[in-house]
């Protein structure tokens, strides 16, 4: 992009040790809004183009995403969504009950069908972070750790003075990519950013040899429970709709009780493997009111950009978002993806975006 005078300010003491270290790591293009589909496809293209540089093991594994349902009305909505996705270049297949069971013989209960995206799959969050960090530092980017931003002053036209725990930093452009803390950083320049941290749990089963060694991200659209392989175990996720906003990342020992019944009903082999609560954890989503990111400059604060509020899609959309922000800074606009729909001003204009496939 032509700029190397970049300083990365990281709140944590190590790279990728915040929310990234707790991410599920899924990547999918099975969305129901133009912008989410575009961001996913752009990220997939970037990851494909970097595969030779990344080498082995691959950081992007195309095991697929399988959405399934026992509800005919829900399957009709999923079929319509698949048509929308295919029209935008997404590889997605609509399956009948037999097709679902062929791809996921471990599924129990009533099934009428589902959808499968073969290009969807998994990203290694830590591995991808380390790859991008290595390339950035080779290009001249400087990283400061333990550098939480505590104040931002404008003591000269066109210049920010960021006061951090690791010292002061001057910059002509500031990108707020602070994840669940993005609203706090934005408030330092007087911006009301509607990004709230919300706790999400990930559970790890005991050893589960009865499932195939590689399975797609398998989502029971009826209950919201999803599973994927994690070595010889299985990772289980479920979004608690009653979870309040806040920075609490302590693991709730009662959370497994919420997921026990739907897990047993849909994935009995996984339920039978038990849960290893010592290996399970909780992290934070950074959630906006419409579950879409805020990406781009902030009106009224020249030089201040936001890349946050990804609502659980941060790892999967990070490659596209990073390139878009770089283009905005160097070229004045995002050229690779039209991200105007993600502008902060959409909330004030009443132009929130509705995504129906939120996990």
Protein backbone atom coordinates (compact mmCIF):
# COMPACT_ATOMS: atom_id res chain seq x y z
CA UNK A 1 0.00 0.00 0.00
CA UNK A 2 3.02 2.30 0.24
CA UNK A 3 3.06 3.24 3.96
CA UNK A 4 5.34 1.78 6.62
CA UNK A 5 5.19 4.55 9.24
CA UNK A 6 2.63 2.57 11.24
CA UNK A 7 2.56 1.93 14.98
CA UNK A 8 0.43 -0.85 16.44
CA UNK A 9 -0.72 -0.12 19.99
CA UNK A 10 -1.69 -3.33 21.74
CA UNK A 11 -3.39 -3.23 25.14
CA UNK A 12 -2.27 -6.75 26.03
CA UNK A 13 1.28 -7.83 26.78
CA UNK A 14 1.40 -10.28 23.86
CA UNK A 15 0.02 -10.14 20.30
CA UNK A 16 -3.34 -11.78 19.74
CA UNK A 17 -3.81 -12.58 23.44
CA UNK A 18 -7.11 -10.71 23.84
CA UNK A 19 -10.35 -11.71 22.15
CA UNK A 20 -8.49 -13.27 19.21
CA UNK A 21 -7.05 -15.93 21.51
CA UNK A 22 -10.58 -16.95 22.52
CA UNK A 23 -12.18 -16.97 19.06
CA UNK A 24 -13.96 -19.95 17.53
CA UNK A 25 -12.20 -19.24 14.23
CA UNK A 26 -15.00 -19.92 11.76
CA UNK A 27 -15.18 -18.35 8.31
CA UNK A 28 -18.28 -18.50 6.14
CA UNK A 29 -19.97 -16.75 3.26
CA UNK A 30 -23.42 -18.08 4.17
CA UNK A 31 -24.86 -14.72 5.19
CA UNK A 32 -28.02 -12.87 4.20
CA UNK A 33 -26.71 -9.33 3.63
CA UNK A 34 -24.75 -8.00 0.68
CA UNK A 35 -21.95 -6.58 2.80
CA UNK A 36 -21.37 -9.66 4.95
CA UNK A 37 -21.20 -11.87 1.86
CA UNK A 38 -18.81 -9.42 0.18
CA UNK A 39 -16.55 -9.19 3.24
CA UNK A 40 -16.38 -12.97 3.56
CA UNK A 41 -15.60 -13.56 -0.11
CA UNK A 42 -12.93 -10.85 -0.06
CA UNK A 43 -11.34 -12.41 3.03
CA UNK A 44 -11.42 -15.88 1.45
CA UNK A 45 -9.74 -14.54 -1.68
CA UNK A 46 -6.99 -12.91 0.38
CA UNK A 47 -6.39 -16.09 2.36
CA UNK A 48 -6.30 -18.17 -0.82
CA UNK A 49 -3.79 -15.77 -2.37
CA UNK A 50 -1.55 -16.03 0.70
CA UNK A 51 -1.65 -19.82 0.97
CA UNK A 52 1.76 -20.23 -0.70
CA UNK A 53 3.39 -17.73 1.66
CA UNK A 54 1.72 -19.19 4.74
CA UNK A 55 2.74 -22.76 3.86
CA UNK A 56 1.89 -25.75 6.02
CA UNK A 57 -0.09 -26.25 8.09
CA UNK A 58 -2.71 -24.12 6.32
CA UNK A 59 -4.33 -21.38 8.38
CA UNK A 60 -7.56 -21.58 6.35
CA UNK A 61 -9.13 -25.04 6.25
CA UNK A 62 -12.16 -25.54 4.02
CA UNK A 63 -14.10 -28.09 6.05
CA UNK A 64 -17.36 -26.32 5.23
CA UNK A 65 -20.34 -25.00 7.18
CA UNK A 66 -23.43 -27.20 7.44
CA UNK A 67 -26.68 -25.61 8.59
CA UNK A 68 -29.46 -28.11 9.32
CA UNK A 69 -33.07 -27.95 10.44
CA UNK A 70 -36.08 -30.08 11.23
CA UNK A 71 -38.48 -27.22 10.45
CA UNK A 72 -39.88 -27.03 6.87
CA UNK A 73 -40.50 -23.28 7.18
CA UNK A 74 -36.94 -22.67 8.29
CA UNK A 75 -35.63 -24.82 5.43
CA UNK A 76 -37.62 -22.67 2.99
CA UNK A 77 -35.91 -19.56 4.41
CA UNK A 78 -32.52 -21.26 4.19
CA UNK A 79 -33.22 -22.25 0.57
CA UNK A 80 -34.07 -18.63 -0.28
CA UNK A 81 -30.90 -17.50 1.48
CA UNK A 82 -28.87 -19.99 -0.55
CA UNK A 83 -30.29 -18.56 -3.78
CA UNK A 84 -29.34 -15.05 -2.59
CA UNK A 85 -25.82 -16.26 -1.81
CA UNK A 86 -25.33 -18.09 -5.11
CA UNK A 87 -26.37 -14.96 -6.99
CA UNK A 88 -23.43 -13.24 -5.29
CA UNK A 89 -20.84 -15.86 -6.09
CA UNK A 90 -21.09 -18.06 -3.00
CA UNK A 91 -20.73 -21.81 -3.45
CA UNK A 92 -23.63 -23.26 -1.44
CA UNK A 93 -25.68 -26.42 -1.80
CA UNK A 94 -29.22 -27.07 -0.55
CA UNK A 95 -29.51 -30.55 0.97
CA UNK A 96 -32.46 -32.79 1.70
CA UNK A 97 -32.57 -34.91 4.86
CA UNK A 98 -30.51 -37.69 3.28
CA UNK A 99 -27.92 -35.18 2.11
CA UNK A 100 -27.55 -33.76 5.63
CA UNK A 101 -27.15 -37.21 7.16
CA UNK A 102 -24.61 -38.21 4.52
CA UNK A 103 -22.42 -35.24 5.46
CA UNK A 104 -23.16 -35.48 9.19
CA UNK A 105 -24.00 -39.06 10.23
CA UNK A 106 -23.60 -37.98 13.86
CA UNK A 107 -26.77 -35.84 13.70
CA UNK A 108 -29.86 -37.15 15.52
CA UNK A 109 -33.47 -36.03 15.64
CA UNK A 110 -35.84 -34.83 12.95
CA UNK A 111 -34.12 -33.35 9.90
CA UNK A 112 -35.80 -32.02 6.75
CA UNK A 113 -32.71 -30.53 5.12
CA UNK A 114 -30.06 -27.88 5.28
CA UNK A 115 -27.36 -26.00 3.38
CA UNK A 116 -23.66 -26.66 2.92
CA UNK A 117 -20.94 -24.21 1.90
CA UNK A 118 -17.78 -26.07 0.82
CA UNK A 119 -15.60 -22.96 0.80
CA UNK A 120 -16.55 -22.15 4.39
CA UNK A 121 -14.43 -23.55 7.18
CA UNK A 122 -11.96 -22.54 9.85
CA UNK A 123 -9.16 -20.06 10.43
CA UNK A 124 -6.39 -20.53 12.99
CA UNK A 125 -6.79 -17.17 14.79
CA UNK A 126 -3.40 -17.20 16.52
CA UNK A 127 -1.57 -18.46 13.47
CA UNK A 128 -3.11 -15.83 11.20
CA UNK A 129 -2.35 -13.08 13.71
CA UNK A 130 1.29 -14.16 13.89
CA UNK A 131 1.56 -14.34 10.09
CA UNK A 132 0.19 -10.83 9.57
CA UNK A 133 2.29 -9.47 12.44
CA UNK A 134 5.45 -11.01 10.99
CA UNK A 135 4.78 -9.56 7.55
CA UNK A 136 3.90 -6.15 9.01
CA UNK A 137 7.04 -5.91 11.12
CA UNK A 138 9.16 -6.97 8.13
CA UNK A 139 7.57 -4.05 6.27
CA UNK A 140 8.56 -1.60 9.01
CA UNK A 141 5.51 -1.55 11.28
CA UNK A 142 6.38 -0.95 14.94
CA UNK A 143 4.39 -2.74 17.65
CA UNK A 144 4.08 -1.56 21.26
CA UNK A 145 2.65 -3.99 23.82
CA UNK A 146 1.08 -3.14 27.16
CA UNK A 147 0.16 0.12 25.45
CA UNK A 148 -3.44 0.70 26.47
CA UNK A 149 -4.60 4.08 25.14
CA UNK A 150 -5.73 6.21 28.07
CA UNK A 151 -6.26 9.59 26.42
CA UNK A 152 -6.25 11.11 22.94
CA UNK A 153 -5.50 14.81 22.51
CA UNK A 154 -5.64 17.04 19.46
CA UNK A 155 -2.92 19.57 20.26
CA UNK A 156 -2.20 20.44 16.63
CA UNK A 157 -4.26 20.50 13.42
CA UNK A 158 -4.18 17.12 11.71
CA UNK A 159 -2.36 15.41 14.55
CA UNK A 160 -3.41 13.13 17.39
CA UNK A 161 -1.44 12.69 20.59
CA UNK A 162 -2.19 9.27 22.06
CA UNK A 163 -1.23 8.89 25.69
CA UNK A 164 -0.64 5.21 26.38
CA UNK A 165 0.64 3.03 29.20
CA UNK A 166 3.83 2.61 27.14
CA UNK A 167 4.37 6.31 26.41
CA UNK A 168 3.00 9.00 24.10
CA UNK A 169 2.56 8.44 20.38
CA UNK A 170 1.79 11.06 17.73
CA UNK A 171 -0.16 10.15 14.61
CA UNK A 172 -1.94 11.82 11.73
CA UNK A 173 -4.39 8.91 11.47
CA UNK A 174 -5.83 6.72 14.22
CA UNK A 175 -7.63 3.42 13.57
CA UNK A 176 -9.79 2.25 16.46
CA UNK A 177 -9.53 -1.54 16.20
CA UNK A 178 -9.86 -2.14 19.94
CA UNK A 179 -12.39 -4.96 19.74
CA UNK A 180 -14.65 -5.01 22.81
CA UNK A 181 -12.95 -1.81 24.01
CA UNK A 182 -13.66 0.10 20.79
CA UNK A 183 -16.38 2.26 22.35
CA UNK A 184 -14.02 3.32 25.14
CA UNK A 185 -11.37 4.39 22.63
CA UNK A 186 -13.91 6.23 20.48
CA UNK A 187 -15.17 8.10 23.56
CA UNK A 188 -11.66 9.55 23.99
CA UNK A 189 -12.29 11.65 20.87
CA UNK A 190 -15.92 12.38 21.73
CA UNK A 191 -17.46 9.71 19.50
CA UNK A 192 -20.45 7.65 20.62
CA UNK A 193 -19.72 4.23 19.14
CA UNK A 194 -22.50 1.65 19.69
CA UNK A 195 -20.26 -1.35 20.33
CA UNK A 196 -20.92 -3.42 23.44
CA UNK A 197 -18.92 -6.38 24.82
CA UNK A 198 -21.00 -9.54 25.29
CA UNK A 199 -19.69 -12.78 26.79
CA UNK A 200 -19.77 -15.96 24.71
CA UNK A 201 -18.85 -19.46 25.92
CA UNK A 202 -17.02 -22.23 24.09
CA UNK A 203 -17.16 -25.72 25.54
CA UNK A 204 -14.76 -28.59 24.88
CA UNK A 205 -15.96 -32.17 25.02
CA UNK A 206 -14.07 -35.18 26.22
CA UNK A 207 -12.44 -37.41 23.59
CA UNK A 208 -15.01 -38.25 20.93
CA UNK A 209 -13.64 -40.98 18.64
CA UNK A 210 -17.02 -41.87 17.10
CA UNK A 211 -17.14 -38.68 14.98
CA UNK A 212 -15.11 -38.44 11.76
CA UNK A 213 -11.71 -36.77 12.22
CA UNK A 214 -12.80 -33.86 10.01
CA UNK A 215 -16.34 -32.49 10.14
CA UNK A 216 -17.86 -29.23 8.94
CA UNK A 217 -18.94 -26.56 11.35
CA UNK A 218 -22.32 -28.11 12.03
CA UNK A 219 -25.08 -25.75 13.12
CA UNK A 220 -28.46 -26.84 14.42
CA UNK A 221 -30.46 -23.87 13.17
CA UNK A 222 -33.39 -24.90 15.37
CA UNK A 223 -31.59 -24.61 18.71
CA UNK A 224 -28.54 -22.51 17.82
CA UNK A 225 -26.08 -25.14 19.06
CA UNK A 226 -23.06 -25.70 16.83
CA UNK A 227 -20.13 -28.09 16.91
CA UNK A 228 -16.79 -28.56 15.19
CA UNK A 229 -13.76 -30.76 15.69
CA UNK A 230 -11.00 -29.65 18.07
CA UNK A 231 -8.38 -32.36 17.75
CA UNK A 232 -9.86 -35.59 19.06
CA UNK A 233 -12.48 -33.61 20.94
CA UNK A 234 -15.38 -31.42 19.87
CA UNK A 235 -15.88 -27.70 20.39
CA UNK A 236 -19.44 -26.71 21.26
CA UNK A 237 -20.83 -23.18 21.00
CA UNK A 238 -24.16 -21.61 21.82
CA UNK A 239 -25.16 -17.95 22.06
CA UNK A 240 -27.11 -17.26 25.22
CA UNK A 241 -29.72 -14.66 24.23
CA UNK A 242 -30.03 -13.51 27.86
CA UNK A 243 -26.35 -12.68 28.31
CA UNK A 244 -25.99 -9.07 29.51
CA UNK A 245 -23.42 -6.70 28.06
CA UNK A 246 -20.22 -6.36 30.06
CA UNK A 247 -16.54 -7.24 30.25
CA UNK A 248 -17.01 -10.39 32.33
CA UNK A 249 -15.01 -13.27 30.80
CA UNK A 250 -15.24 -15.64 33.76
CA UNK A 251 -16.52 -19.06 32.77
CA UNK A 252 -20.06 -19.60 34.06
CA UNK A 253 -20.21 -23.12 35.54
CA UNK A 254 -23.98 -23.14 35.02
CA UNK A 255 -23.68 -22.45 31.29
CA UNK A 256 -23.36 -26.13 30.29
CA UNK A 257 -26.85 -26.70 31.73
CA UNK A 258 -28.27 -24.36 29.07
CA UNK A 259 -26.79 -26.36 26.23
CA UNK A 260 -27.24 -29.87 27.65
CA UNK A 261 -30.73 -30.61 26.33
CA UNK A 262 -30.32 -29.41 22.71
CA UNK A 263 -26.84 -30.98 22.55
CA UNK A 264 -28.17 -34.35 23.67
CA UNK A 265 -31.08 -34.14 21.26
CA UNK A 266 -29.08 -33.20 18.15
CA UNK A 267 -25.54 -34.46 18.82
CA UNK A 268 -25.85 -37.36 21.28
CA UNK A 269 -22.36 -38.75 20.64
CA UNK A 270 -20.86 -35.41 21.61
CA UNK A 271 -23.05 -35.16 24.69
CA UNK A 272 -22.00 -38.69 25.63
CA UNK A 273 -18.35 -37.68 25.51
CA UNK A 274 -18.95 -35.29 28.40
CA UNK A 275 -17.51 -31.82 28.90
CA UNK A 276 -13.99 -30.91 29.89
CA UNK A 277 -14.69 -27.69 31.77
CA UNK A 278 -10.99 -27.16 32.50
CA UNK A 279 -10.41 -26.68 28.77
CA UNK A 280 -13.58 -24.66 28.14
CA UNK A 281 -13.55 -20.88 28.16
CA UNK A 282 -15.44 -17.63 27.66
CA UNK A 283 -14.53 -14.59 25.59
CA UNK A 284 -16.13 -11.42 24.28
CA UNK A 285 -18.07 -10.59 21.16
CA UNK A 286 -18.03 -6.89 20.20
CA UNK A 287 -21.64 -6.33 19.27
CA UNK A 288 -23.41 -3.51 17.42
CA UNK A 289 -27.20 -3.03 17.37
CA UNK A 290 -27.48 -4.64 13.91
CA UNK A 291 -24.69 -7.23 14.33
CA UNK A 292 -22.60 -5.66 11.57
CA UNK A 293 -19.21 -4.01 11.88
CA UNK A 294 -18.49 -0.31 11.88
CA UNK A 295 -15.80 0.29 9.29
CA UNK A 296 -14.48 3.59 8.04
CA UNK A 297 -13.92 7.24 8.95
CA UNK A 298 -15.97 9.09 11.56
CA UNK A 299 -17.72 12.25 10.45
CA UNK A 300 -16.53 15.28 12.38
CA UNK A 301 -13.23 13.73 13.52
CA UNK A 302 -10.84 13.87 10.54
CA UNK A 303 -8.20 11.17 10.62
CA UNK A 304 -10.10 8.91 13.03
CA UNK A 305 -11.32 5.58 11.61
CA UNK A 306 -13.11 2.65 13.20
CA UNK A 307 -12.68 -1.05 12.46
CA UNK A 308 -14.79 -2.67 15.14
CA UNK A 309 -18.11 -4.10 16.21
CA UNK A 310 -17.75 -7.23 14.08
CA UNK A 311 -20.25 -9.10 16.30
CA UNK A 312 -18.47 -12.44 16.21
CA UNK A 313 -17.17 -12.11 12.64
CA UNK A 314 -13.89 -10.40 13.46
CA UNK A 315 -11.47 -13.17 12.58
CA UNK A 316 -13.27 -14.11 9.37
CA UNK A 317 -13.58 -10.53 8.13
CA UNK A 318 -10.20 -9.28 9.38
CA UNK A 319 -8.31 -9.77 6.08
CA UNK A 320 -10.90 -7.80 4.08
CA UNK A 321 -11.29 -5.16 6.79
CA UNK A 322 -7.56 -4.61 7.10
CA UNK A 323 -7.15 -4.15 3.38
CA UNK A 324 -10.16 -1.81 3.20
CA UNK A 325 -8.79 0.41 5.98
CA UNK A 326 -5.36 0.50 4.36
CA UNK A 327 -6.96 1.58 1.09
CA UNK A 328 -8.92 4.32 2.88
CA UNK A 329 -5.75 5.73 4.43
CA UNK A 330 -3.51 5.51 1.39
CA UNK A 331 -5.98 5.98 -1.48
CA UNK A 332 -8.82 7.84 0.18
CA UNK A 333 -11.43 5.08 -0.16
CA UNK A 334 -11.91 1.35 0.03
CA UNK A 335 -11.47 0.02 -3.50
CA UNK A 336 -11.58 -3.73 -2.93
CA UNK A 337 -14.98 -3.82 -1.15
CA UNK A 338 -17.68 -1.16 -1.06
CA UNK A 339 -18.02 -0.77 2.71
CA UNK A 340 -20.27 2.30 2.74
CA UNK A 341 -23.04 0.21 4.31
CA UNK A 342 -20.83 -0.22 7.40
CA UNK A 343 -20.36 3.50 8.05
CA UNK A 344 -21.08 4.64 11.60
CA UNK A 345 -23.60 7.18 10.34
CA UNK A 346 -26.03 4.42 9.35
CA UNK A 347 -27.41 4.27 12.88
CA UNK A 348 -28.27 7.98 12.99
CA UNK A 349 -29.83 7.70 9.51
CA UNK A 350 -31.95 4.71 10.51
CA UNK A 351 -30.17 2.46 8.00
CA UNK A 352 -29.27 -0.47 10.24
CA UNK A 353 -28.65 -3.75 8.38
CA UNK A 354 -30.59 -6.91 9.22
CA UNK A 355 -28.69 -10.20 9.20
CA UNK A 356 -30.76 -13.32 9.85
CA UNK A 357 -27.89 -15.83 10.05
CA UNK A 358 -26.27 -14.66 13.29
CA UNK A 359 -24.48 -17.25 15.44
